[in-house]
């Protein structure tokens, strides 16, 4: 099994927020640590990694549309989600400091919870890289989703989009 957070091969357990959980010293390392609350885990997750090239962003948009349909979102919400994923990818690809090259990729994670869908777009970024939070792209993203966040950690930038469901989904 491939650990999506590190890219390492092996039996890994990915906990809430995508962090790899470690077994405590008094427990065998071959058994995953159970999360404290199942509410923190998504009901379903989709991961897609694409080359950092605008020609491949259509794959992330298509995944967003398909997932929106699977989750029974309305057409307006599906359209907003598609546009938001497109713009989140563009925040990386169109940034002047974003490195060119086929070796770089964008990782998209779609995590459906009972009351919301969280989408993260993540890529390696150079020091000092940050989106223009005063620019039209960021403002448009804020209008399309309920919550919007940018983080930079360990050489990776992450845009997190949260779209709340109008009514909790039936399980």
C-alpha atoms as a PDB file:
ATOM      1  CA  UNK A   1       0.000   0.000   0.000  1.00  0.00           C
ATOM      2  CA  UNK A   2       1.375   3.436  -0.892  1.00  0.00           C
ATOM      3  CA  UNK A   3       1.335   6.111   1.803  1.00  0.00           C
ATOM      4  CA  UNK A   4      -0.186   9.140   0.033  1.00  0.00           C
ATOM      5  CA  UNK A   5       1.394  11.607   2.451  1.00  0.00           C
ATOM      6  CA  UNK A   6       4.992  10.460   2.010  1.00  0.00           C
ATOM      7  CA  UNK A   7       4.946   8.420  -1.181  1.00  0.00           C
ATOM      8  CA  UNK A   8       6.534   5.526   0.720  1.00  0.00           C
ATOM      9  CA  UNK A   9       5.555   1.970  -0.022  1.00  0.00           C
ATOM     10  CA  UNK A  10       4.398  -0.089   2.944  1.00  0.00           C
ATOM     11  CA  UNK A  11       1.452  -0.661   5.204  1.00  0.00           C
ATOM     12  CA  UNK A  12       0.594   2.831   6.307  1.00  0.00           C
ATOM     13  CA  UNK A  13      -2.417   4.273   8.048  1.00  0.00           C
ATOM     14  CA  UNK A  14      -3.430   7.743   7.082  1.00  0.00           C
ATOM     15  CA  UNK A  15      -5.251   9.527   9.851  1.00  0.00           C
ATOM     16  CA  UNK A  16      -7.376  12.677   9.880  1.00  0.00           C
ATOM     17  CA  UNK A  17      -5.933  15.501   7.857  1.00  0.00           C
ATOM     18  CA  UNK A  18      -3.808  13.088   5.839  1.00  0.00           C
ATOM     19  CA  UNK A  19      -1.196  12.715   8.583  1.00  0.00           C
ATOM     20  CA  UNK A  20       0.399   9.308   8.857  1.00  0.00           C
ATOM     21  CA  UNK A  21      -0.413   7.862  12.260  1.00  0.00           C
ATOM     22  CA  UNK A  22       2.338   6.129  14.235  1.00  0.00           C
ATOM     23  CA  UNK A  23       1.890   3.292  16.689  1.00  0.00           C
ATOM     24  CA  UNK A  24       2.801   4.196  20.285  1.00  0.00           C
ATOM     25  CA  UNK A  25       6.043   2.667  21.587  1.00  0.00           C
ATOM     26  CA  UNK A  26       4.143   0.180  23.778  1.00  0.00           C
ATOM     27  CA  UNK A  27       2.121  -1.218  20.827  1.00  0.00           C
ATOM     28  CA  UNK A  28       3.363  -3.249  17.874  1.00  0.00           C
ATOM     29  CA  UNK A  29       4.126  -1.069  14.858  1.00  0.00           C
ATOM     30  CA  UNK A  30       2.375  -3.459  12.465  1.00  0.00           C
ATOM     31  CA  UNK A  31      -1.078  -2.575  13.825  1.00  0.00           C
ATOM     32  CA  UNK A  32      -2.520   0.826  12.861  1.00  0.00           C
ATOM     33  CA  UNK A  33      -3.530   3.191  15.617  1.00  0.00           C
ATOM     34  CA  UNK A  34      -7.272   3.689  15.612  1.00  0.00           C
ATOM     35  CA  UNK A  35      -8.462   7.290  15.369  1.00  0.00           C
ATOM     36  CA  UNK A  36     -10.007   8.827  18.453  1.00  0.00           C
ATOM     37  CA  UNK A  37     -13.286   9.479  16.685  1.00  0.00           C
ATOM     38  CA  UNK A  38     -14.750   8.013  13.525  1.00  0.00           C
ATOM     39  CA  UNK A  39     -16.443  11.392  12.938  1.00  0.00           C
ATOM     40  CA  UNK A  40     -13.047  12.790  11.932  1.00  0.00           C
ATOM     41  CA  UNK A  41     -12.721  10.334   9.055  1.00  0.00           C
ATOM     42  CA  UNK A  42     -14.368  11.038   5.711  1.00  0.00           C
ATOM     43  CA  UNK A  43     -17.177   8.799   4.499  1.00  0.00           C
ATOM     44  CA  UNK A  44     -15.468   8.613   1.133  1.00  0.00           C
ATOM     45  CA  UNK A  45     -12.239   9.910  -0.383  1.00  0.00           C
ATOM     46  CA  UNK A  46     -10.874  10.341  -3.875  1.00  0.00           C
ATOM     47  CA  UNK A  47      -7.231  11.126  -4.659  1.00  0.00           C
ATOM     48  CA  UNK A  48      -5.979  12.242  -8.039  1.00  0.00           C
ATOM     49  CA  UNK A  49      -2.489  13.389  -8.947  1.00  0.00           C
ATOM     50  CA  UNK A  50      -1.925  15.165 -12.237  1.00  0.00           C
ATOM     51  CA  UNK A  51       1.096  16.694 -13.949  1.00  0.00           C
ATOM     52  CA  UNK A  52       1.468  20.399 -13.194  1.00  0.00           C
ATOM     53  CA  UNK A  53       0.279  21.375 -16.640  1.00  0.00           C
ATOM     54  CA  UNK A  54      -2.894  23.287 -17.448  1.00  0.00           C
ATOM     55  CA  UNK A  55      -3.781  20.669 -20.080  1.00  0.00           C
ATOM     56  CA  UNK A  56      -4.317  18.104 -17.308  1.00  0.00           C
ATOM     57  CA  UNK A  57      -6.465  20.273 -15.013  1.00  0.00           C
ATOM     58  CA  UNK A  58      -9.490  18.977 -16.933  1.00  0.00           C
ATOM     59  CA  UNK A  59      -8.987  15.670 -15.081  1.00  0.00           C
ATOM     60  CA  UNK A  60      -9.324  17.380 -11.693  1.00  0.00           C
ATOM     61  CA  UNK A  61     -12.381  19.308 -12.915  1.00  0.00           C
ATOM     62  CA  UNK A  62     -13.950  16.092 -14.218  1.00  0.00           C
ATOM     63  CA  UNK A  63     -13.337  14.353 -10.894  1.00  0.00           C
ATOM     64  CA  UNK A  64     -15.022  17.267  -9.099  1.00  0.00           C
ATOM     65  CA  UNK A  65     -18.079  17.098 -11.365  1.00  0.00           C
ATOM     66  CA  UNK A  66     -18.378  13.330 -11.063  1.00  0.00           C
ATOM     67  CA  UNK A  67     -18.029  13.402  -7.280  1.00  0.00           C
ATOM     68  CA  UNK A  68     -20.606  16.197  -7.073  1.00  0.00           C
ATOM     69  CA  UNK A  69     -23.040  14.009  -9.013  1.00  0.00           C
ATOM     70  CA  UNK A  70     -22.300  10.974  -6.825  1.00  0.00           C
ATOM     71  CA  UNK A  71     -22.972  13.100  -3.729  1.00  0.00           C
ATOM     72  CA  UNK A  72     -26.264  14.309  -5.251  1.00  0.00           C
ATOM     73  CA  UNK A  73     -25.273  17.966  -5.193  1.00  0.00           C
ATOM     74  CA  UNK A  74     -27.408  20.413  -7.133  1.00  0.00           C
ATOM     75  CA  UNK A  75     -26.238  21.688 -10.512  1.00  0.00           C
ATOM     76  CA  UNK A  76     -25.235  25.061  -9.046  1.00  0.00           C
ATOM     77  CA  UNK A  77     -23.099  23.413  -6.358  1.00  0.00           C
ATOM     78  CA  UNK A  78     -21.494  21.062  -8.901  1.00  0.00           C
ATOM     79  CA  UNK A  79     -20.677  24.001 -11.169  1.00  0.00           C
ATOM     80  CA  UNK A  80     -19.251  25.981  -8.236  1.00  0.00           C
ATOM     81  CA  UNK A  81     -17.154  22.982  -7.207  1.00  0.00           C
ATOM     82  CA  UNK A  82     -15.789  22.524 -10.734  1.00  0.00           C
ATOM     83  CA  UNK A  83     -14.858  26.197 -10.995  1.00  0.00           C
ATOM     84  CA  UNK A  84     -13.301  26.194  -7.519  1.00  0.00           C
ATOM     85  CA  UNK A  85     -11.093  23.176  -8.303  1.00  0.00           C
ATOM     86  CA  UNK A  86     -10.052  24.796 -11.580  1.00  0.00           C
ATOM     87  CA  UNK A  87      -9.141  28.038  -9.827  1.00  0.00           C
ATOM     88  CA  UNK A  88      -7.300  26.265  -6.993  1.00  0.00           C
ATOM     89  CA  UNK A  89      -5.114  24.494  -9.575  1.00  0.00           C
ATOM     90  CA  UNK A  90      -4.583  27.798 -11.405  1.00  0.00           C
ATOM     91  CA  UNK A  91      -3.332  29.435  -8.183  1.00  0.00           C
ATOM     92  CA  UNK A  92      -0.321  27.140  -8.471  1.00  0.00           C
ATOM     93  CA  UNK A  93       0.096  26.855 -12.227  1.00  0.00           C
ATOM     94  CA  UNK A  94      -0.211  30.555 -13.049  1.00  0.00           C
ATOM     95  CA  UNK A  95       1.917  31.805 -10.153  1.00  0.00           C
ATOM     96  CA  UNK A  96       5.181  33.312 -11.458  1.00  0.00           C
ATOM     97  CA  UNK A  97       7.233  31.488  -8.799  1.00  0.00           C
ATOM     98  CA  UNK A  98       5.756  28.044  -9.511  1.00  0.00           C
ATOM     99  CA  UNK A  99       8.442  25.837 -11.063  1.00  0.00           C
ATOM    100  CA  UNK A 100       8.000  24.674 -14.640  1.00  0.00           C
ATOM    101  CA  UNK A 101       8.641  21.057 -15.421  1.00  0.00           C
ATOM    102  CA  UNK A 102       6.930  17.739 -15.857  1.00  0.00           C
ATOM    103  CA  UNK A 103       8.341  16.271 -12.637  1.00  0.00           C
ATOM    104  CA  UNK A 104       6.091  18.504 -10.515  1.00  0.00           C
ATOM    105  CA  UNK A 105       2.543  17.341  -9.878  1.00  0.00           C
ATOM    106  CA  UNK A 106      -0.663  18.616  -8.329  1.00  0.00           C
ATOM    107  CA  UNK A 107      -2.304  16.300  -5.801  1.00  0.00           C
ATOM    108  CA  UNK A 108      -6.055  16.714  -5.388  1.00  0.00           C
ATOM    109  CA  UNK A 109      -7.952  15.110  -2.518  1.00  0.00           C
ATOM    110  CA  UNK A 110     -11.736  15.094  -2.330  1.00  0.00           C
ATOM    111  CA  UNK A 111     -13.027  14.041   1.120  1.00  0.00           C
ATOM    112  CA  UNK A 112     -16.779  13.749   1.689  1.00  0.00           C
ATOM    113  CA  UNK A 113     -18.025  14.034   5.243  1.00  0.00           C
ATOM    114  CA  UNK A 114     -21.608  13.904   6.512  1.00  0.00           C
ATOM    115  CA  UNK A 115     -22.127  17.667   6.222  1.00  0.00           C
ATOM    116  CA  UNK A 116     -19.391  18.895   3.883  1.00  0.00           C
ATOM    117  CA  UNK A 117     -16.961  18.187   1.105  1.00  0.00           C
ATOM    118  CA  UNK A 118     -13.333  19.186   1.608  1.00  0.00           C
ATOM    119  CA  UNK A 119     -11.069  19.513  -1.401  1.00  0.00           C
ATOM    120  CA  UNK A 120      -7.338  20.038  -1.093  1.00  0.00           C
ATOM    121  CA  UNK A 121      -4.972  20.878  -3.914  1.00  0.00           C
ATOM    122  CA  UNK A 122      -1.328  20.400  -2.946  1.00  0.00           C
ATOM    123  CA  UNK A 123       1.986  20.879  -4.729  1.00  0.00           C
ATOM    124  CA  UNK A 124       5.650  21.398  -3.934  1.00  0.00           C
ATOM    125  CA  UNK A 125       6.425  25.114  -3.818  1.00  0.00           C
ATOM    126  CA  UNK A 126       9.595  27.183  -3.521  1.00  0.00           C
ATOM    127  CA  UNK A 127      10.344  29.232  -0.381  1.00  0.00           C
ATOM    128  CA  UNK A 128       8.216  32.356  -0.169  1.00  0.00           C
ATOM    129  CA  UNK A 129       5.522  30.992  -2.495  1.00  0.00           C
ATOM    130  CA  UNK A 130       2.021  32.175  -1.576  1.00  0.00           C
ATOM    131  CA  UNK A 131      -1.131  32.886  -3.549  1.00  0.00           C
ATOM    132  CA  UNK A 132      -2.228  36.462  -4.073  1.00  0.00           C
ATOM    133  CA  UNK A 133      -5.014  36.602  -1.496  1.00  0.00           C
ATOM    134  CA  UNK A 134      -5.988  40.055  -2.762  1.00  0.00           C
ATOM    135  CA  UNK A 135      -6.249  38.885  -6.381  1.00  0.00           C
ATOM    136  CA  UNK A 136      -9.349  38.031  -8.385  1.00  0.00           C
ATOM    137  CA  UNK A 137      -8.620  34.292  -8.276  1.00  0.00           C
ATOM    138  CA  UNK A 138      -8.647  34.146  -4.486  1.00  0.00           C
ATOM    139  CA  UNK A 139     -11.713  36.376  -4.253  1.00  0.00           C
ATOM    140  CA  UNK A 140     -13.537  34.177  -6.777  1.00  0.00           C
ATOM    141  CA  UNK A 141     -12.613  31.064  -4.806  1.00  0.00           C
ATOM    142  CA  UNK A 142     -14.013  32.628  -1.653  1.00  0.00           C
ATOM    143  CA  UNK A 143     -17.315  33.249  -3.432  1.00  0.00           C
ATOM    144  CA  UNK A 144     -17.560  29.650  -4.707  1.00  0.00           C
ATOM    145  CA  UNK A 145     -16.939  27.795  -1.437  1.00  0.00           C
ATOM    146  CA  UNK A 146     -17.883  28.146   2.211  1.00  0.00           C
ATOM    147  CA  UNK A 147     -14.343  28.081   3.617  1.00  0.00           C
ATOM    148  CA  UNK A 148     -10.998  28.705   1.970  1.00  0.00           C
ATOM    149  CA  UNK A 149      -7.517  28.275   3.427  1.00  0.00           C
ATOM    150  CA  UNK A 150      -3.878  28.357   2.323  1.00  0.00           C
ATOM    151  CA  UNK A 151      -1.076  26.601   4.178  1.00  0.00           C
ATOM    152  CA  UNK A 152       2.594  26.073   3.439  1.00  0.00           C
ATOM    153  CA  UNK A 153       4.487  23.372   5.277  1.00  0.00           C
ATOM    154  CA  UNK A 154       7.581  21.269   4.589  1.00  0.00           C
ATOM    155  CA  UNK A 155       7.987  22.643   1.076  1.00  0.00           C
ATOM    156  CA  UNK A 156       4.379  21.996   0.039  1.00  0.00           C
ATOM    157  CA  UNK A 157       1.587  24.499  -0.474  1.00  0.00           C
ATOM    158  CA  UNK A 158      -2.012  23.454   0.091  1.00  0.00           C
ATOM    159  CA  UNK A 159      -5.248  25.184  -0.849  1.00  0.00           C
ATOM    160  CA  UNK A 160      -8.208  23.787   1.110  1.00  0.00           C
ATOM    161  CA  UNK A 161     -11.760  24.354  -0.111  1.00  0.00           C
ATOM    162  CA  UNK A 162     -14.786  23.442   2.006  1.00  0.00           C
ATOM    163  CA  UNK A 163     -18.270  23.193   0.537  1.00  0.00           C
ATOM    164  CA  UNK A 164     -21.030  22.518   3.075  1.00  0.00           C
ATOM    165  CA  UNK A 165     -24.039  20.495   2.051  1.00  0.00           C
ATOM    166  CA  UNK A 166     -27.343  22.333   2.285  1.00  0.00           C
ATOM    167  CA  UNK A 167     -28.825  19.308   4.050  1.00  0.00           C
ATOM    168  CA  UNK A 168     -26.879  16.494   5.739  1.00  0.00           C
ATOM    169  CA  UNK A 169     -26.562  13.538   3.398  1.00  0.00           C
ATOM    170  CA  UNK A 170     -28.323  10.271   4.136  1.00  0.00           C
ATOM    171  CA  UNK A 171     -25.906   7.419   4.812  1.00  0.00           C
END
